[in-house]
Amino acid sequence: MVRLVQQQIEPHYRALSNDVRLGLLRIDGTRSYLAVQYWRSRAHWEAATRSASYAGWWAQYEPMLERWDQVMEFEAEFESEELLS
């Protein structure tokens, strides 16, 4: 999983935008991980995901997500906002 993120997912996100950093956190004492995206701002995220090239980027990303789903088992997904930086 770490290799998938390092070798495929991170480079693919860099092709989308230099305004995003990915994080992969292992939760101590568990077999659980938290994958996070750190965007410079919401405006940067919106610019990247509303760009003309986003649909093509996403189409290339889908096989990586399929591989991610093979490797990981999801308990829950959520959206959050960082309150402290």
C-alpha atoms as a PDB file:
ATOM      1  CA  MET A   1       0.000   0.000   0.000  1.00  0.00           C
ATOM      2  CA  VAL A   2       2.765   2.440   0.895  1.00  0.00           C
ATOM      3  CA  ARG A   3       4.506   1.611  -2.384  1.00  0.00           C
ATOM      4  CA  LEU A   4       1.267   2.254  -4.307  1.00  0.00           C
ATOM      5  CA  VAL A   5       0.957   5.675  -2.708  1.00  0.00           C
ATOM      6  CA  GLN A   6       4.624   6.581  -3.195  1.00  0.00           C
ATOM      7  CA  GLN A   7       5.072   5.286  -6.726  1.00  0.00           C
ATOM      8  CA  GLN A   8       1.686   5.932  -8.321  1.00  0.00           C
ATOM      9  CA  ILE A   9      -0.720   8.074  -6.340  1.00  0.00           C
ATOM     10  CA  GLU A  10       1.661  10.831  -5.194  1.00  0.00           C
ATOM     11  CA  PRO A  11       3.138  11.388  -8.691  1.00  0.00           C
ATOM     12  CA  HIS A  12      -0.350  11.424 -10.163  1.00  0.00           C
ATOM     13  CA  TYR A  13      -1.486  14.100  -7.710  1.00  0.00           C
ATOM     14  CA  ARG A  14       1.620  16.162  -8.519  1.00  0.00           C
ATOM     15  CA  ALA A  15       0.463  16.090 -12.154  1.00  0.00           C
ATOM     16  CA  LEU A  16      -2.862  17.549 -11.003  1.00  0.00           C
ATOM     17  CA  SER A  17      -1.468  20.299  -8.778  1.00  0.00           C
ATOM     18  CA  ASN A  18       1.578  21.401  -6.843  1.00  0.00           C
ATOM     19  CA  ASP A  19      -0.790  22.811  -4.216  1.00  0.00           C
ATOM     20  CA  VAL A  20      -1.577  19.451  -2.607  1.00  0.00           C
ATOM     21  CA  ARG A  21       0.367  17.213  -0.240  1.00  0.00           C
ATOM     22  CA  LEU A  22      -0.754  13.691   0.585  1.00  0.00           C
ATOM     23  CA  GLY A  23      -0.449  12.055   3.956  1.00  0.00           C
ATOM     24  CA  LEU A  24      -0.767   8.428   5.020  1.00  0.00           C
ATOM     25  CA  LEU A  25      -1.009   7.926   8.766  1.00  0.00           C
ATOM     26  CA  ARG A  26      -0.991   4.599  10.580  1.00  0.00           C
ATOM     27  CA  ILE A  27      -3.141   4.760  13.681  1.00  0.00           C
ATOM     28  CA  ASP A  28      -1.121   3.485  16.643  1.00  0.00           C
ATOM     29  CA  GLY A  29      -2.197   0.175  18.067  1.00  0.00           C
ATOM     30  CA  THR A  30      -4.454  -0.684  15.123  1.00  0.00           C
ATOM     31  CA  ARG A  31      -4.315  -1.988  11.579  1.00  0.00           C
ATOM     32  CA  SER A  32      -6.047   1.218  10.445  1.00  0.00           C
ATOM     33  CA  TYR A  33      -4.700   4.010   8.262  1.00  0.00           C
ATOM     34  CA  LEU A  34      -5.866   7.522   7.540  1.00  0.00           C
ATOM     35  CA  ALA A  35      -5.209   8.934   4.086  1.00  0.00           C
ATOM     36  CA  VAL A  36      -5.353  12.720   3.907  1.00  0.00           C
ATOM     37  CA  GLN A  37      -4.933  15.484   1.366  1.00  0.00           C
ATOM     38  CA  TYR A  38      -3.528  18.825   2.459  1.00  0.00           C
ATOM     39  CA  TRP A  39      -4.458  21.575  -0.004  1.00  0.00           C
ATOM     40  CA  ARG A  40      -2.936  25.052   0.199  1.00  0.00           C
ATOM     41  CA  SER A  41      -6.480  26.440   0.280  1.00  0.00           C
ATOM     42  CA  ARG A  42      -9.999  25.532  -0.738  1.00  0.00           C
ATOM     43  CA  ALA A  43      -9.587  27.857  -3.719  1.00  0.00           C
ATOM     44  CA  HIS A  44      -6.604  25.786  -4.898  1.00  0.00           C
ATOM     45  CA  TRP A  45      -8.625  22.574  -4.535  1.00  0.00           C
ATOM     46  CA  GLU A  46     -11.530  24.075  -6.457  1.00  0.00           C
ATOM     47  CA  ALA A  47      -9.242  25.321  -9.230  1.00  0.00           C
ATOM     48  CA  ALA A  48      -7.692  21.866  -9.609  1.00  0.00           C
ATOM     49  CA  THR A  49     -10.937  19.893  -9.535  1.00  0.00           C
ATOM     50  CA  ARG A  50     -12.782  22.273 -11.843  1.00  0.00           C
ATOM     51  CA  SER A  51     -10.018  22.507 -14.434  1.00  0.00           C
ATOM     52  CA  ALA A  52     -10.548  21.387 -18.013  1.00  0.00           C
ATOM     53  CA  SER A  53      -8.036  18.558 -17.536  1.00  0.00           C
ATOM     54  CA  TYR A  54      -9.594  17.141 -14.356  1.00  0.00           C
ATOM     55  CA  ALA A  55     -11.892  14.621 -16.072  1.00  0.00           C
ATOM     56  CA  GLY A  56      -8.933  13.099 -17.915  1.00  0.00           C
ATOM     57  CA  TRP A  57      -6.855  13.110 -14.738  1.00  0.00           C
ATOM     58  CA  TRP A  58      -9.644  11.323 -12.879  1.00  0.00           C
ATOM     59  CA  ALA A  59     -10.021   8.705 -15.627  1.00  0.00           C
ATOM     60  CA  GLN A  60      -6.318   7.891 -15.249  1.00  0.00           C
ATOM     61  CA  TYR A  61      -6.691   7.820 -11.458  1.00  0.00           C
ATOM     62  CA  GLU A  62      -9.549   5.296 -11.371  1.00  0.00           C
ATOM     63  CA  PRO A  63      -7.308   2.223 -11.949  1.00  0.00           C
ATOM     64  CA  MET A  64      -5.177   3.346  -8.998  1.00  0.00           C
ATOM     65  CA  LEU A  65      -8.310   3.584  -6.855  1.00  0.00           C
ATOM     66  CA  GLU A  66      -9.301   0.071  -7.928  1.00  0.00           C
ATOM     67  CA  ARG A  67      -5.881  -1.186  -6.790  1.00  0.00           C
ATOM     68  CA  TRP A  68      -6.286   0.793  -3.543  1.00  0.00           C
ATOM     69  CA  ASP A  69      -9.626  -0.956  -2.965  1.00  0.00           C
ATOM     70  CA  GLN A  70      -7.945  -4.345  -3.466  1.00  0.00           C
ATOM     71  CA  VAL A  71      -5.300  -3.524  -0.862  1.00  0.00           C
ATOM     72  CA  MET A  72      -7.447  -1.706   1.713  1.00  0.00           C
ATOM     73  CA  GLU A  73     -10.670  -2.453   3.506  1.00  0.00           C
ATOM     74  CA  PHE A  74     -12.666   0.652   4.361  1.00  0.00           C
ATOM     75  CA  GLU A  75     -14.570   1.046   7.584  1.00  0.00           C
ATOM     76  CA  ALA A  76     -15.862   4.548   6.947  1.00  0.00           C
ATOM     77  CA  GLU A  77     -15.097   7.634   4.890  1.00  0.00           C
ATOM     78  CA  PHE A  78     -15.481  11.175   6.068  1.00  0.00           C
ATOM     79  CA  GLU A  79     -14.785  14.740   5.128  1.00  0.00           C
ATOM     80  CA  SER A  80     -13.148  17.043   7.613  1.00  0.00           C
ATOM     81  CA  GLU A  81     -11.738  20.500   7.989  1.00  0.00           C
ATOM     82  CA  GLU A  82      -8.410  21.164   9.694  1.00  0.00           C
ATOM     83  CA  LEU A  83      -9.049  23.480  12.598  1.00  0.00           C
ATOM     84  CA  LEU A  84      -5.478  24.002  13.776  1.00  0.00           C
ATOM     85  CA  SER A  85      -2.444  24.425  11.581  1.00  0.00           C
END
